[in-house]
Amino acid sequence: MATILSSCAGLDRQLQQASVAKGTAQAKVNIPDQPADCRRTEPHAAAVVGDEARSVLKRERKVTDRLNARILRCAADRDNVKTGLEGK
């Protein structure tokens, strides 16, 4: 009798493991890649000897503005993915 009960416990464990594996496989979510733009870095504005400091600063601020805009676009993309996965 103990052998039969032991065998049932083993079968229950196998069924539980199979159920977990099946549920995990069915729940798998494929997250889309980020836009390629999100991985691009932005070089500093060129500082040429003899350039006026203000003009270099203006160019550097334009670079920073582009970078900030990219960060916001990429964050919005990830927020949209998260929202879609949460079903909101």
PDB file of N, CA and C in Angstrom:
ATOM      1  N   MET A   1       0.823  -1.191   0.000  1.00  0.00           N
ATOM      2  CA  MET A   1       0.000   0.000   0.000  1.00  0.00           C
ATOM      3  C   MET A   1       0.866   1.254   0.000  1.00  0.00           C
ATOM      4  N   ALA A   2       1.965   1.274   0.757  1.00  0.00           N
ATOM      5  CA  ALA A   2       2.858   2.422   0.811  1.00  0.00           C
ATOM      6  C   ALA A   2       3.484   2.683  -0.554  1.00  0.00           C
ATOM      7  N   THR A   3       3.763   1.635  -1.293  1.00  0.00           N
ATOM      8  CA  THR A   3       4.350   1.786  -2.623  1.00  0.00           C
ATOM      9  C   THR A   3       3.379   2.490  -3.556  1.00  0.00           C
ATOM     10  N   ILE A   4       2.110   2.167  -3.473  1.00  0.00           N
ATOM     11  CA  ILE A   4       1.101   2.782  -4.331  1.00  0.00           C
ATOM     12  C   ILE A   4       0.971   4.266  -4.010  1.00  0.00           C
ATOM     13  N   LEU A   5       0.937   4.617  -2.718  1.00  0.00           N
ATOM     14  CA  LEU A   5       0.826   6.014  -2.328  1.00  0.00           C
ATOM     15  C   LEU A   5       2.060   6.800  -2.750  1.00  0.00           C
ATOM     16  N   SER A   6       3.224   6.196  -2.631  1.00  0.00           N
ATOM     17  CA  SER A   6       4.464   6.838  -3.036  1.00  0.00           C
ATOM     18  C   SER A   6       4.449   7.095  -4.539  1.00  0.00           C
ATOM     19  N   SER A   7       3.935   6.157  -5.278  1.00  0.00           N
ATOM     20  CA  SER A   7       3.854   6.291  -6.724  1.00  0.00           C
ATOM     21  C   SER A   7       2.906   7.421  -7.107  1.00  0.00           C
ATOM     22  N   CYS A   8       1.800   7.549  -6.401  1.00  0.00           N
ATOM     23  CA  CYS A   8       0.839   8.628  -6.679  1.00  0.00           C
ATOM     24  C   CYS A   8       1.446   9.993  -6.380  1.00  0.00           C
ATOM     25  N   ALA A   9       2.218  10.068  -5.310  1.00  0.00           N
ATOM     26  CA  ALA A   9       2.871  11.334  -4.958  1.00  0.00           C
ATOM     27  C   ALA A   9       3.857  11.736  -6.051  1.00  0.00           C
ATOM     28  N   GLY A  10       4.577  10.776  -6.576  1.00  0.00           N
ATOM     29  CA  GLY A  10       5.514  11.052  -7.668  1.00  0.00           C
ATOM     30  C   GLY A  10       4.790  11.529  -8.906  1.00  0.00           C
ATOM     31  N   LEU A  11       3.651  10.900  -9.209  1.00  0.00           N
ATOM     32  CA  LEU A  11       2.855  11.292 -10.366  1.00  0.00           C
ATOM     33  C   LEU A  11       2.297  12.708 -10.179  1.00  0.00           C
ATOM     34  N   ASP A  12       1.817  13.005  -8.983  1.00  0.00           N
ATOM     35  CA  ASP A  12       1.314  14.355  -8.692  1.00  0.00           C
ATOM     36  C   ASP A  12       2.407  15.404  -8.887  1.00  0.00           C
ATOM     37  N   ARG A  13       3.612  15.097  -8.439  1.00  0.00           N
ATOM     38  CA  ARG A  13       4.746  16.016  -8.582  1.00  0.00           C
ATOM     39  C   ARG A  13       5.056  16.238 -10.070  1.00  0.00           C
ATOM     40  N   GLN A  14       5.040  15.170 -10.849  1.00  0.00           N
ATOM     41  CA  GLN A  14       5.320  15.285 -12.281  1.00  0.00           C
ATOM     42  C   GLN A  14       4.236  16.112 -12.993  1.00  0.00           C
ATOM     43  N   LEU A  15       2.971  15.867 -12.599  1.00  0.00           N
ATOM     44  CA  LEU A  15       1.880  16.638 -13.193  1.00  0.00           C
ATOM     45  C   LEU A  15       2.001  18.117 -12.837  1.00  0.00           C
ATOM     46  N   GLN A  16       2.378  18.395 -11.603  1.00  0.00           N
ATOM     47  CA  GLN A  16       2.559  19.788 -11.166  1.00  0.00           C
ATOM     48  C   GLN A  16       3.674  20.455 -11.963  1.00  0.00           C
ATOM     49  N   GLN A  17       4.795  19.761 -12.123  1.00  0.00           N
ATOM     50  CA  GLN A  17       5.921  20.324 -12.875  1.00  0.00           C
ATOM     51  C   GLN A  17       5.549  20.548 -14.345  1.00  0.00           C
ATOM     52  N   ALA A  18       4.810  19.609 -14.910  1.00  0.00           N
ATOM     53  CA  ALA A  18       4.386  19.749 -16.298  1.00  0.00           C
ATOM     54  C   ALA A  18       3.428  20.937 -16.452  1.00  0.00           C
ATOM     55  N   SER A  19       2.551  21.120 -15.480  1.00  0.00           N
ATOM     56  CA  SER A  19       1.612  22.242 -15.525  1.00  0.00           C
ATOM     57  C   SER A  19       2.346  23.576 -15.437  1.00  0.00           C
ATOM     58  N   VAL A  20       3.325  23.646 -14.577  1.00  0.00           N
ATOM     59  CA  VAL A  20       4.115  24.877 -14.433  1.00  0.00           C
ATOM     60  C   VAL A  20       4.862  25.164 -15.735  1.00  0.00           C
ATOM     61  N   ALA A  21       5.467  24.145 -16.320  1.00  0.00           N
ATOM     62  CA  ALA A  21       6.213  24.320 -17.573  1.00  0.00           C
ATOM     63  C   ALA A  21       5.276  24.778 -18.698  1.00  0.00           C
ATOM     64  N   LYS A  22       4.105  24.186 -18.785  1.00  0.00           N
ATOM     65  CA  LYS A  22       3.147  24.547 -19.827  1.00  0.00           C
ATOM     66  C   LYS A  22       2.654  25.987 -19.626  1.00  0.00           C
ATOM     67  N   GLY A  23       2.334  26.344 -18.400  1.00  0.00           N
ATOM     68  CA  GLY A  23       1.873  27.702 -18.107  1.00  0.00           C
ATOM     69  C   GLY A  23       2.939  28.736 -18.416  1.00  0.00           C
ATOM     70  N   THR A  24       4.180  28.431 -18.096  1.00  0.00           N
ATOM     71  CA  THR A  24       5.283  29.346 -18.374  1.00  0.00           C
ATOM     72  C   THR A  24       5.447  29.525 -19.875  1.00  0.00           C
ATOM     73  N   ALA A  25       5.362  28.446 -20.610  1.00  0.00           N
ATOM     74  CA  ALA A  25       5.511  28.519 -22.063  1.00  0.00           C
ATOM     75  C   ALA A  25       4.379  29.338 -22.682  1.00  0.00           C
ATOM     76  N   GLN A  26       3.177  29.187 -22.195  1.00  0.00           N
ATOM     77  CA  GLN A  26       2.042  29.910 -22.753  1.00  0.00           C
ATOM     78  C   GLN A  26       2.073  31.390 -22.373  1.00  0.00           C
ATOM     79  N   ALA A  27       2.658  31.708 -21.242  1.00  0.00           N
ATOM     80  CA  ALA A  27       2.682  33.093 -20.764  1.00  0.00           C
ATOM     81  C   ALA A  27       3.863  33.890 -21.318  1.00  0.00           C
ATOM     82  N   LYS A  28       4.748  33.232 -22.043  1.00  0.00           N
ATOM     83  CA  LYS A  28       5.935  33.906 -22.554  1.00  0.00           C
ATOM     84  C   LYS A  28       5.527  35.108 -23.411  1.00  0.00           C
ATOM     85  N   VAL A  29       6.182  36.233 -23.172  1.00  0.00           N
ATOM     86  CA  VAL A  29       5.871  37.471 -23.871  1.00  0.00           C
ATOM     87  C   VAL A  29       7.103  37.894 -24.660  1.00  0.00           C
ATOM     88  N   ASN A  30       6.895  38.229 -25.908  1.00  0.00           N
ATOM     89  CA  ASN A  30       7.992  38.724 -26.731  1.00  0.00           C
ATOM     90  C   ASN A  30       7.953  40.250 -26.710  1.00  0.00           C
ATOM     91  N   ILE A  31       8.949  40.832 -26.079  1.00  0.00           N
ATOM     92  CA  ILE A  31       9.026  42.284 -25.982  1.00  0.00           C
ATOM     93  C   ILE A  31       9.735  42.801 -27.231  1.00  0.00           C
ATOM     94  N   PRO A  32       9.139  43.749 -27.925  1.00  0.00           N
ATOM     95  CA  PRO A  32       9.774  44.259 -29.148  1.00  0.00           C
ATOM     96  C   PRO A  32      11.069  44.994 -28.828  1.00  0.00           C
ATOM     97  N   ASP A  33      11.959  45.003 -29.813  1.00  0.00           N
ATOM     98  CA  ASP A  33      13.213  45.733 -29.650  1.00  0.00           C
ATOM     99  C   ASP A  33      12.939  47.223 -29.563  1.00  0.00           C
ATOM    100  N   GLN A  34      13.841  47.901 -28.881  1.00  0.00           N
ATOM    101  CA  GLN A  34      13.750  49.359 -28.839  1.00  0.00           C
ATOM    102  C   GLN A  34      14.094  49.902 -30.216  1.00  0.00           C
ATOM    103  N   PRO A  35      13.604  51.069 -30.548  1.00  0.00           N
ATOM    104  CA  PRO A  35      14.020  51.674 -31.811  1.00  0.00           C
ATOM    105  C   PRO A  35      15.543  51.815 -31.846  1.00  0.00           C
ATOM    106  N   ALA A  36      16.129  51.642 -33.006  1.00  0.00           N
ATOM    107  CA  ALA A  36      17.593  51.700 -33.144  1.00  0.00           C
ATOM    108  C   ALA A  36      18.148  53.028 -32.644  1.00  0.00           C
ATOM    109  N   ASP A  37      17.369  54.076 -32.803  1.00  0.00           N
ATOM    110  CA  ASP A  37      17.782  55.408 -32.374  1.00  0.00           C
ATOM    111  C   ASP A  37      18.095  55.450 -30.877  1.00  0.00           C
ATOM    112  N   CYS A  38      17.453  54.586 -30.109  1.00  0.00           N
ATOM    113  CA  CYS A  38      17.636  54.600 -28.652  1.00  0.00           C
ATOM    114  C   CYS A  38      19.022  54.139 -28.219  1.00  0.00           C
ATOM    115  N   ARG A  39      19.726  53.449 -29.064  1.00  0.00           N
ATOM    116  CA  ARG A  39      21.055  52.948 -28.709  1.00  0.00           C
ATOM    117  C   ARG A  39      22.179  53.819 -29.260  1.00  0.00           C
ATOM    118  N   ARG A  40      21.810  54.828 -30.034  1.00  0.00           N
ATOM    119  CA  ARG A  40      22.820  55.688 -30.637  1.00  0.00           C
ATOM    120  C   ARG A  40      23.309  56.715 -29.622  1.00  0.00           C
ATOM    121  N   THR A  41      24.612  56.942 -29.616  1.00  0.00           N
ATOM    122  CA  THR A  41      25.177  57.967 -28.739  1.00  0.00           C
ATOM    123  C   THR A  41      25.337  59.259 -29.533  1.00  0.00           C
ATOM    124  N   GLU A  42      25.433  60.334 -28.829  1.00  0.00           N
ATOM    125  CA  GLU A  42      25.546  61.651 -29.457  1.00  0.00           C
ATOM    126  C   GLU A  42      26.929  62.207 -29.143  1.00  0.00           C
ATOM    127  N   PRO A  43      27.736  62.489 -30.165  1.00  0.00           N
ATOM    128  CA  PRO A  43      29.071  63.041 -29.895  1.00  0.00           C
ATOM    129  C   PRO A  43      28.965  64.496 -29.438  1.00  0.00           C
ATOM    130  N   HIS A  44      29.969  64.914 -28.721  1.00  0.00           N
ATOM    131  CA  HIS A  44      30.020  66.316 -28.291  1.00  0.00           C
ATOM    132  C   HIS A  44      30.187  67.215 -29.510  1.00  0.00           C
ATOM    133  N   ALA A  45      29.786  68.452 -29.367  1.00  0.00           N
ATOM    134  CA  ALA A  45      30.014  69.433 -30.431  1.00  0.00           C
ATOM    135  C   ALA A  45      31.511  69.663 -30.551  1.00  0.00           C
ATOM    136  N   ALA A  46      31.946  69.807 -31.788  1.00  0.00           N
ATOM    137  CA  ALA A  46      33.381  70.018 -32.025  1.00  0.00           C
ATOM    138  C   ALA A  46      33.821  71.366 -31.473  1.00  0.00           C
ATOM    139  N   ALA A  47      34.907  71.338 -30.758  1.00  0.00           N
ATOM    140  CA  ALA A  47      35.494  72.570 -30.233  1.00  0.00           C
ATOM    141  C   ALA A  47      36.803  72.802 -30.981  1.00  0.00           C
ATOM    142  N   VAL A  48      36.781  73.769 -31.853  1.00  0.00           N
ATOM    143  CA  VAL A  48      37.954  74.069 -32.673  1.00  0.00           C
ATOM    144  C   VAL A  48      38.714  75.223 -32.030  1.00  0.00           C
ATOM    145  N   VAL A  49      40.034  75.085 -32.018  1.00  0.00           N
ATOM    146  CA  VAL A  49      40.867  76.144 -31.457  1.00  0.00           C
ATOM    147  C   VAL A  49      40.582  77.441 -32.199  1.00  0.00           C
ATOM    148  N   GLY A  50      40.306  78.481 -31.447  1.00  0.00           N
ATOM    149  CA  GLY A  50      40.018  79.781 -32.030  1.00  0.00           C
ATOM    150  C   GLY A  50      38.529  80.087 -32.086  1.00  0.00           C
ATOM    151  N   ASP A  51      37.679  79.072 -31.899  1.00  0.00           N
ATOM    152  CA  ASP A  51      36.237  79.324 -31.882  1.00  0.00           C
ATOM    153  C   ASP A  51      35.870  80.119 -30.638  1.00  0.00           C
ATOM    154  N   GLU A  52      34.874  80.936 -30.795  1.00  0.00           N
ATOM    155  CA  GLU A  52      34.382  81.703 -29.666  1.00  0.00           C
ATOM    156  C   GLU A  52      33.682  80.738 -28.699  1.00  0.00           C
ATOM    157  N   ALA A  53      33.893  80.911 -27.426  1.00  0.00           N
ATOM    158  CA  ALA A  53      33.335  80.001 -26.413  1.00  0.00           C
ATOM    159  C   ALA A  53      31.816  79.935 -26.485  1.00  0.00           C
ATOM    160  N   ARG A  54      31.182  81.070 -26.762  1.00  0.00           N
ATOM    161  CA  ARG A  54      29.715  81.075 -26.821  1.00  0.00           C
ATOM    162  C   ARG A  54      29.187  80.221 -27.970  1.00  0.00           C
ATOM    163  N   SER A  55      29.857  80.242 -29.105  1.00  0.00           N
ATOM    164  CA  SER A  55      29.394  79.440 -30.234  1.00  0.00           C
ATOM    165  C   SER A  55      29.565  77.945 -29.947  1.00  0.00           C
ATOM    166  N   VAL A  56      30.641  77.581 -29.264  1.00  0.00           N
ATOM    167  CA  VAL A  56      30.834  76.180 -28.870  1.00  0.00           C
ATOM    168  C   VAL A  56      29.745  75.767 -27.890  1.00  0.00           C
ATOM    169  N   LEU A  57      29.444  76.633 -26.957  1.00  0.00           N
ATOM    170  CA  LEU A  57      28.402  76.344 -25.972  1.00  0.00           C
ATOM    171  C   LEU A  57      27.033  76.187 -26.651  1.00  0.00           C
ATOM    172  N   LYS A  58      26.749  77.046 -27.631  1.00  0.00           N
ATOM    173  CA  LYS A  58      25.474  76.934 -28.357  1.00  0.00           C
ATOM    174  C   LYS A  58      25.372  75.595 -29.081  1.00  0.00           C
ATOM    175  N   ARG A  59      26.466  75.173 -29.731  1.00  0.00           N
ATOM    176  CA  ARG A  59      26.456  73.876 -30.430  1.00  0.00           C
ATOM    177  C   ARG A  59      26.294  72.730 -29.444  1.00  0.00           C
ATOM    178  N   GLU A  60      26.958  72.840 -28.310  1.00  0.00           N
ATOM    179  CA  GLU A  60      26.857  71.777 -27.297  1.00  0.00           C
ATOM    180  C   GLU A  60      25.438  71.693 -26.745  1.00  0.00           C
ATOM    181  N   ARG A  61      24.788  72.825 -26.596  1.00  0.00           N
ATOM    182  CA  ARG A  61      23.395  72.815 -26.112  1.00  0.00           C
ATOM    183  C   ARG A  61      22.468  72.167 -27.134  1.00  0.00           C
ATOM    184  N   LYS A  62      22.709  72.371 -28.413  1.00  0.00           N
ATOM    185  CA  LYS A  62      21.914  71.709 -29.453  1.00  0.00           C
ATOM    186  C   LYS A  62      22.088  70.196 -29.378  1.00  0.00           C
ATOM    187  N   VAL A  63      23.322  69.761 -29.145  1.00  0.00           N
ATOM    188  CA  VAL A  63      23.592  68.327 -28.994  1.00  0.00           C
ATOM    189  C   VAL A  63      22.829  67.789 -27.784  1.00  0.00           C
ATOM    190  N   THR A  64      22.873  68.516 -26.696  1.00  0.00           N
ATOM    191  CA  THR A  64      22.169  68.099 -25.482  1.00  0.00           C
ATOM    192  C   THR A  64      20.663  68.061 -25.707  1.00  0.00           C
ATOM    193  N   ASP A  65      20.135  69.024 -26.426  1.00  0.00           N
ATOM    194  CA  ASP A  65      18.700  69.035 -26.735  1.00  0.00           C
ATOM    195  C   ASP A  65      18.307  67.804 -27.554  1.00  0.00           C
ATOM    196  N   ARG A  66      19.112  67.448 -28.556  1.00  0.00           N
ATOM    197  CA  ARG A  66      18.824  66.247 -29.360  1.00  0.00           C
ATOM    198  C   ARG A  66      18.856  64.994 -28.493  1.00  0.00           C
ATOM    199  N   LEU A  67      19.846  64.936 -27.620  1.00  0.00           N
ATOM    200  CA  LEU A  67      19.978  63.768 -26.747  1.00  0.00           C
ATOM    201  C   LEU A  67      18.800  63.665 -25.786  1.00  0.00           C
ATOM    202  N   ASN A  68      18.404  64.779 -25.212  1.00  0.00           N
ATOM    203  CA  ASN A  68      17.258  64.771 -24.298  1.00  0.00           C
ATOM    204  C   ASN A  68      15.978  64.357 -25.012  1.00  0.00           C
ATOM    205  N   ALA A  69      15.791  64.840 -26.240  1.00  0.00           N
ATOM    206  CA  ALA A  69      14.605  64.463 -27.013  1.00  0.00           C
ATOM    207  C   ALA A  69      14.609  62.961 -27.287  1.00  0.00           C
ATOM    208  N   ARG A  70      15.770  62.404 -27.599  1.00  0.00           N
ATOM    209  CA  ARG A  70      15.881  60.966 -27.852  1.00  0.00           C
ATOM    210  C   ARG A  70      15.543  60.173 -26.587  1.00  0.00           C
ATOM    211  N   ILE A  71      16.045  60.618 -25.454  1.00  0.00           N
ATOM    212  CA  ILE A  71      15.766  59.922 -24.193  1.00  0.00           C
ATOM    213  C   ILE A  71      14.263  59.898 -23.926  1.00  0.00           C
ATOM    214  N   LEU A  72      13.607  61.019 -24.158  1.00  0.00           N
ATOM    215  CA  LEU A  72      12.159  61.083 -23.936  1.00  0.00           C
ATOM    216  C   LEU A  72      11.402  60.170 -24.909  1.00  0.00           C
ATOM    217  N   ARG A  73      11.824  60.117 -26.189  1.00  0.00           N
ATOM    218  CA  ARG A  73      11.180  59.215 -27.152  1.00  0.00           C
ATOM    219  C   ARG A  73      11.353  57.757 -26.747  1.00  0.00           C
ATOM    220  N   CYS A  74      12.560  57.413 -26.315  1.00  0.00           N
ATOM    221  CA  CYS A  74      12.830  56.023 -25.935  1.00  0.00           C
ATOM    222  C   CYS A  74      12.078  55.642 -24.658  1.00  0.00           C
ATOM    223  N   ALA A  75      11.997  56.558 -23.719  1.00  0.00           N
ATOM    224  CA  ALA A  75      11.243  56.297 -22.494  1.00  0.00           C
ATOM    225  C   ALA A  75       9.768  56.120 -22.807  1.00  0.00           C
ATOM    226  N   ALA A  76       9.244  56.930 -23.720  1.00  0.00           N
ATOM    227  CA  ALA A  76       7.837  56.800 -24.113  1.00  0.00           C
ATOM    228  C   ALA A  76       7.592  55.460 -24.787  1.00  0.00           C
ATOM    229  N   ASP A  77       8.553  55.011 -25.593  1.00  0.00           N
ATOM    230  CA  ASP A  77       8.424  53.714 -26.252  1.00  0.00           C
ATOM    231  C   ASP A  77       8.335  52.598 -25.213  1.00  0.00           C
ATOM    232  N   ARG A  78       9.207  52.628 -24.225  1.00  0.00           N
ATOM    233  CA  ARG A  78       9.194  51.588 -23.185  1.00  0.00           C
ATOM    234  C   ARG A  78       7.923  51.674 -22.351  1.00  0.00           C
ATOM    235  N   ASP A  79       7.456  52.892 -22.084  1.00  0.00           N
ATOM    236  CA  ASP A  79       6.202  53.062 -21.340  1.00  0.00           C
ATOM    237  C   ASP A  79       5.038  52.455 -22.108  1.00  0.00           C
ATOM    238  N   ASN A  80       5.021  52.652 -23.430  1.00  0.00           N
ATOM    239  CA  ASN A  80       3.960  52.073 -24.258  1.00  0.00           C
ATOM    240  C   ASN A  80       4.004  50.545 -24.226  1.00  0.00           C
ATOM    241  N   VAL A  81       5.200  49.979 -24.273  1.00  0.00           N
ATOM    242  CA  VAL A  81       5.337  48.521 -24.207  1.00  0.00           C
ATOM    243  C   VAL A  81       4.831  48.017 -22.860  1.00  0.00           C
ATOM    244  N   LYS A  82       5.250  48.679 -21.793  1.00  0.00           N
ATOM    245  CA  LYS A  82       4.831  48.273 -20.452  1.00  0.00           C
ATOM    246  C   LYS A  82       3.309  48.352 -20.300  1.00  0.00           C
ATOM    247  N   THR A  83       2.734  49.437 -20.781  1.00  0.00           N
ATOM    248  CA  THR A  83       1.286  49.617 -20.704  1.00  0.00           C
ATOM    249  C   THR A  83       0.569  48.508 -21.471  1.00  0.00           C
ATOM    250  N   GLY A  84       1.087  48.182 -22.640  1.00  0.00           N
ATOM    251  CA  GLY A  84       0.480  47.122 -23.440  1.00  0.00           C
ATOM    252  C   GLY A  84       0.567  45.772 -22.761  1.00  0.00           C
ATOM    253  N   LEU A  85       1.682  45.499 -22.088  1.00  0.00           N
ATOM    254  CA  LEU A  85       1.839  44.219 -21.407  1.00  0.00           C
ATOM    255  C   LEU A  85       0.966  44.125 -20.170  1.00  0.00           C
ATOM    256  N   GLU A  86       0.717  45.261 -19.536  1.00  0.00           N
ATOM    257  CA  GLU A  86      -0.123  45.271 -18.346  1.00  0.00           C
ATOM    258  C   GLU A  86      -1.599  45.292 -18.694  1.00  0.00           C
ATOM    259  N   GLY A  87      -1.916  45.465 -19.959  1.00  0.00           N
ATOM    260  CA  GLY A  87      -3.298  45.447 -20.402  1.00  0.00           C
ATOM    261  C   GLY A  87      -4.076  46.694 -20.048  1.00  0.00           C
ATOM    262  N   LYS A  88      -3.392  47.808 -19.925  1.00  0.00           N
ATOM    263  CA  LYS A  88      -4.073  49.062 -19.559  1.00  0.00           C
ATOM    264  C   LYS A  88      -4.484  49.803 -20.803  1.00  0.00           C
TER     265      LYS A  88
END
